[in-house]
C-alpha atoms as a PDB file:
ATOM      1  CA  UNK A   1       0.000   0.000   0.000  1.00  0.00           C
ATOM      2  CA  UNK A   2       1.648   3.220  -1.177  1.00  0.00           C
ATOM      3  CA  UNK A   3       0.002   5.247   1.554  1.00  0.00           C
ATOM      4  CA  UNK A   4       2.332   3.740   4.166  1.00  0.00           C
ATOM      5  CA  UNK A   5       4.651   6.627   3.344  1.00  0.00           C
ATOM      6  CA  UNK A   6       2.022   8.906   4.935  1.00  0.00           C
ATOM      7  CA  UNK A   7       2.727   7.386   8.320  1.00  0.00           C
ATOM      8  CA  UNK A   8       5.728   8.433  10.328  1.00  0.00           C
ATOM      9  CA  UNK A   9       6.649   8.438  13.972  1.00  0.00           C
ATOM     10  CA  UNK A  10       9.108  10.491  15.942  1.00  0.00           C
ATOM     11  CA  UNK A  11       9.956   9.068  19.377  1.00  0.00           C
ATOM     12  CA  UNK A  12      11.637  12.348  20.399  1.00  0.00           C
ATOM     13  CA  UNK A  13       8.373  14.321  20.229  1.00  0.00           C
ATOM     14  CA  UNK A  14       7.372  13.295  23.722  1.00  0.00           C
ATOM     15  CA  UNK A  15       4.033  12.057  22.370  1.00  0.00           C
ATOM     16  CA  UNK A  16       3.274   8.338  22.589  1.00  0.00           C
ATOM     17  CA  UNK A  17       3.781   6.648  19.241  1.00  0.00           C
ATOM     18  CA  UNK A  18       0.281   5.144  19.258  1.00  0.00           C
ATOM     19  CA  UNK A  19      -1.085   8.683  19.734  1.00  0.00           C
ATOM     20  CA  UNK A  20       0.979   9.944  16.804  1.00  0.00           C
ATOM     21  CA  UNK A  21      -0.547   7.218  14.627  1.00  0.00           C
ATOM     22  CA  UNK A  22      -4.125   7.864  15.744  1.00  0.00           C
ATOM     23  CA  UNK A  23      -3.685  11.558  15.064  1.00  0.00           C
ATOM     24  CA  UNK A  24      -2.263  10.934  11.615  1.00  0.00           C
ATOM     25  CA  UNK A  25      -5.053   8.559  10.662  1.00  0.00           C
ATOM     26  CA  UNK A  26      -7.759  10.931  11.894  1.00  0.00           C
ATOM     27  CA  UNK A  27      -6.123  13.774   9.967  1.00  0.00           C
ATOM     28  CA  UNK A  28      -5.999  11.684   6.778  1.00  0.00           C
ATOM     29  CA  UNK A  29      -9.680  10.802   7.119  1.00  0.00           C
ATOM     30  CA  UNK A  30     -10.692  14.375   7.977  1.00  0.00           C
ATOM     31  CA  UNK A  31      -8.717  15.702   4.999  1.00  0.00           C
ATOM     32  CA  UNK A  32     -10.402  13.197   2.671  1.00  0.00           C
ATOM     33  CA  UNK A  33      -7.105  11.491   1.814  1.00  0.00           C
ATOM     34  CA  UNK A  34      -8.692   8.156   2.740  1.00  0.00           C
ATOM     35  CA  UNK A  35     -12.351   7.358   2.264  1.00  0.00           C
ATOM     36  CA  UNK A  36     -14.919   5.266   4.048  1.00  0.00           C
ATOM     37  CA  UNK A  37     -14.341   1.584   3.420  1.00  0.00           C
ATOM     38  CA  UNK A  38     -10.662   1.921   2.519  1.00  0.00           C
ATOM     39  CA  UNK A  39      -8.370  -0.513   4.289  1.00  0.00           C
ATOM     40  CA  UNK A  40      -5.610   0.586   6.604  1.00  0.00           C
ATOM     41  CA  UNK A  41      -2.286  -1.233   6.460  1.00  0.00           C
ATOM     42  CA  UNK A  42      -2.271  -4.414   8.515  1.00  0.00           C
ATOM     43  CA  UNK A  43      -0.898  -4.151  12.034  1.00  0.00           C
ATOM     44  CA  UNK A  44       2.117  -6.231  11.069  1.00  0.00           C
ATOM     45  CA  UNK A  45       2.741  -4.340   7.823  1.00  0.00           C
ATOM     46  CA  UNK A  46       2.676  -0.921   9.477  1.00  0.00           C
ATOM     47  CA  UNK A  47       4.766  -2.086  12.433  1.00  0.00           C
ATOM     48  CA  UNK A  48       7.463  -3.399  10.097  1.00  0.00           C
ATOM     49  CA  UNK A  49       7.336  -0.272   7.927  1.00  0.00           C
ATOM     50  CA  UNK A  50       7.753   2.038  10.934  1.00  0.00           C
ATOM     51  CA  UNK A  51      10.067  -0.282  12.894  1.00  0.00           C
ATOM     52  CA  UNK A  52       7.791  -0.261  15.923  1.00  0.00           C
ATOM     53  CA  UNK A  53       6.018  -2.874  17.994  1.00  0.00           C
ATOM     54  CA  UNK A  54       2.885  -4.426  16.499  1.00  0.00           C
ATOM     55  CA  UNK A  55       1.295  -3.823  19.918  1.00  0.00           C
ATOM     56  CA  UNK A  56       1.704  -0.087  19.366  1.00  0.00           C
ATOM     57  CA  UNK A  57      -0.107  -0.217  16.022  1.00  0.00           C
ATOM     58  CA  UNK A  58      -2.790  -2.472  17.509  1.00  0.00           C
ATOM     59  CA  UNK A  59      -3.318   0.024  20.337  1.00  0.00           C
ATOM     60  CA  UNK A  60      -3.712   2.876  17.845  1.00  0.00           C
ATOM     61  CA  UNK A  61      -6.221   0.877  15.803  1.00  0.00           C
ATOM     62  CA  UNK A  62      -8.153  -0.087  18.947  1.00  0.00           C
ATOM     63  CA  UNK A  63      -8.346   3.562  20.034  1.00  0.00           C
ATOM     64  CA  UNK A  64      -9.620   4.516  16.575  1.00  0.00           C
ATOM     65  CA  UNK A  65     -12.160   1.708  16.623  1.00  0.00           C
ATOM     66  CA  UNK A  66     -13.450   2.723  20.063  1.00  0.00           C
ATOM     67  CA  UNK A  67     -13.935   6.269  18.869  1.00  0.00           C
ATOM     68  CA  UNK A  68     -15.686   5.204  15.653  1.00  0.00           C
ATOM     69  CA  UNK A  69     -13.052   6.203  13.118  1.00  0.00           C
ATOM     70  CA  UNK A  70     -12.322   2.668  11.903  1.00  0.00           C
ATOM     71  CA  UNK A  71     -13.970  -0.733  11.862  1.00  0.00           C
ATOM     72  CA  UNK A  72     -12.132  -3.992  12.412  1.00  0.00           C
ATOM     73  CA  UNK A  73     -13.419  -6.883  10.336  1.00  0.00           C
ATOM     74  CA  UNK A  74     -12.142 -10.201  11.701  1.00  0.00           C
ATOM     75  CA  UNK A  75     -10.012 -11.991   9.151  1.00  0.00           C
ATOM     76  CA  UNK A  76     -10.136  -9.087   6.704  1.00  0.00           C
ATOM     77  CA  UNK A  77      -8.474  -6.108   8.357  1.00  0.00           C
ATOM     78  CA  UNK A  78      -9.173  -2.616   9.602  1.00  0.00           C
ATOM     79  CA  UNK A  79     -11.127  -0.196   7.449  1.00  0.00           C
ATOM     80  CA  UNK A  80     -12.068   3.472   7.620  1.00  0.00           C
ATOM     81  CA  UNK A  81     -15.540   3.578   9.153  1.00  0.00           C
ATOM     82  CA  UNK A  82     -18.509   4.226   6.890  1.00  0.00           C
ATOM     83  CA  UNK A  83     -19.434   7.160   9.090  1.00  0.00           C
ATOM     84  CA  UNK A  84     -16.409   8.084  11.173  1.00  0.00           C
ATOM     85  CA  UNK A  85     -17.211   9.858  14.392  1.00  0.00           C
ATOM     86  CA  UNK A  86     -18.184  13.382  13.597  1.00  0.00           C
ATOM     87  CA  UNK A  87     -15.178  15.342  12.515  1.00  0.00           C
ATOM     88  CA  UNK A  88     -15.997  17.927  15.096  1.00  0.00           C
ATOM     89  CA  UNK A  89     -15.832  21.584  14.234  1.00  0.00           C
ATOM     90  CA  UNK A  90     -12.675  21.957  16.314  1.00  0.00           C
ATOM     91  CA  UNK A  91     -10.838  19.398  14.199  1.00  0.00           C
ATOM     92  CA  UNK A  92     -12.061  21.001  10.994  1.00  0.00           C
ATOM     93  CA  UNK A  93     -11.028  24.456  12.172  1.00  0.00           C
ATOM     94  CA  UNK A  94      -7.550  23.233  13.075  1.00  0.00           C
ATOM     95  CA  UNK A  95      -7.224  21.439   9.737  1.00  0.00           C
ATOM     96  CA  UNK A  96      -8.212  24.637   7.928  1.00  0.00           C
ATOM     97  CA  UNK A  97      -5.612  26.616   9.897  1.00  0.00           C
ATOM     98  CA  UNK A  98      -2.930  24.020   9.163  1.00  0.00           C
ATOM     99  CA  UNK A  99      -3.768  24.191   5.453  1.00  0.00           C
ATOM    100  CA  UNK A 100      -3.474  27.975   5.539  1.00  0.00           C
ATOM    101  CA  UNK A 101      -0.081  27.796   7.246  1.00  0.00           C
ATOM    102  CA  UNK A 102       1.176  25.208   4.757  1.00  0.00           C
ATOM    103  CA  UNK A 103      -0.042  27.237   1.777  1.00  0.00           C
ATOM    104  CA  UNK A 104       1.594  30.366   3.197  1.00  0.00           C
ATOM    105  CA  UNK A 105       4.877  28.544   3.782  1.00  0.00           C
ATOM    106  CA  UNK A 106       4.847  27.036   0.285  1.00  0.00           C
ATOM    107  CA  UNK A 107       4.080  30.483  -1.124  1.00  0.00           C
ATOM    108  CA  UNK A 108       7.175  31.789   0.645  1.00  0.00           C
ATOM    109  CA  UNK A 109       9.294  29.150  -1.053  1.00  0.00           C
ATOM    110  CA  UNK A 110       9.668  26.672   1.792  1.00  0.00           C
ATOM    111  CA  UNK A 111      10.080  23.008   0.940  1.00  0.00           C
ATOM    112  CA  UNK A 112       7.587  20.453   2.331  1.00  0.00           C
ATOM    113  CA  UNK A 113      10.309  18.844   4.469  1.00  0.00           C
ATOM    114  CA  UNK A 114      11.100  22.228   6.055  1.00  0.00           C
ATOM    115  CA  UNK A 115       7.441  22.826   6.839  1.00  0.00           C
ATOM    116  CA  UNK A 116       7.092  19.387   8.397  1.00  0.00           C
ATOM    117  CA  UNK A 117      10.178  19.969  10.542  1.00  0.00           C
ATOM    118  CA  UNK A 118       8.715  23.261  11.757  1.00  0.00           C
ATOM    119  CA  UNK A 119       5.474  21.527  12.743  1.00  0.00           C
ATOM    120  CA  UNK A 120       7.482  18.831  14.538  1.00  0.00           C
ATOM    121  CA  UNK A 121       9.544  21.453  16.380  1.00  0.00           C
ATOM    122  CA  UNK A 122       6.451  23.367  17.504  1.00  0.00           C
ATOM    123  CA  UNK A 123       4.723  20.175  18.573  1.00  0.00           C
ATOM    124  CA  UNK A 124       7.757  18.963  20.523  1.00  0.00           C
ATOM    125  CA  UNK A 125       8.124  22.328  22.224  1.00  0.00           C
ATOM    126  CA  UNK A 126       4.453  22.647  23.143  1.00  0.00           C
ATOM    127  CA  UNK A 127       4.158  19.013  24.269  1.00  0.00           C
ATOM    128  CA  UNK A 128       7.104  19.643  26.595  1.00  0.00           C
ATOM    129  CA  UNK A 129       5.214  22.540  28.167  1.00  0.00           C
ATOM    130  CA  UNK A 130       2.282  20.393  29.200  1.00  0.00           C
ATOM    131  CA  UNK A 131       0.295  20.364  25.992  1.00  0.00           C
ATOM    132  CA  UNK A 132      -2.401  17.780  26.325  1.00  0.00           C
ATOM    133  CA  UNK A 133      -2.710  14.567  24.403  1.00  0.00           C
ATOM    134  CA  UNK A 134      -6.233  14.168  22.998  1.00  0.00           C
ATOM    135  CA  UNK A 135      -5.942  10.514  22.067  1.00  0.00           C
END
């Protein structure tokens, strides 16, 4: 699955890896990058790809299932839910702000990797100051 490249983890962020994954998957769904019914990578596949424990991926998928973002189908895999939990207005507003920042940065000539590093730096800094983990 080519979308595995969308997933990345950074242990130095101070955010649990399972929480990084749940956030990334919710963002992909909210942005429309993955649609209802699409399969997620298998637990084993994603764990190998990211060089993390399968238990970490399983925990992320379980959290997403509990909150209605994905559905686990025994013997078939984990799929984006037909009607993921409401993408609350807060999430949409944040996504819109992130898009605006990215567009601004691209307009100023920044490379995508630079923008991503800035987001990582801000996240690491704010998480270290007691930012809360929503997952």
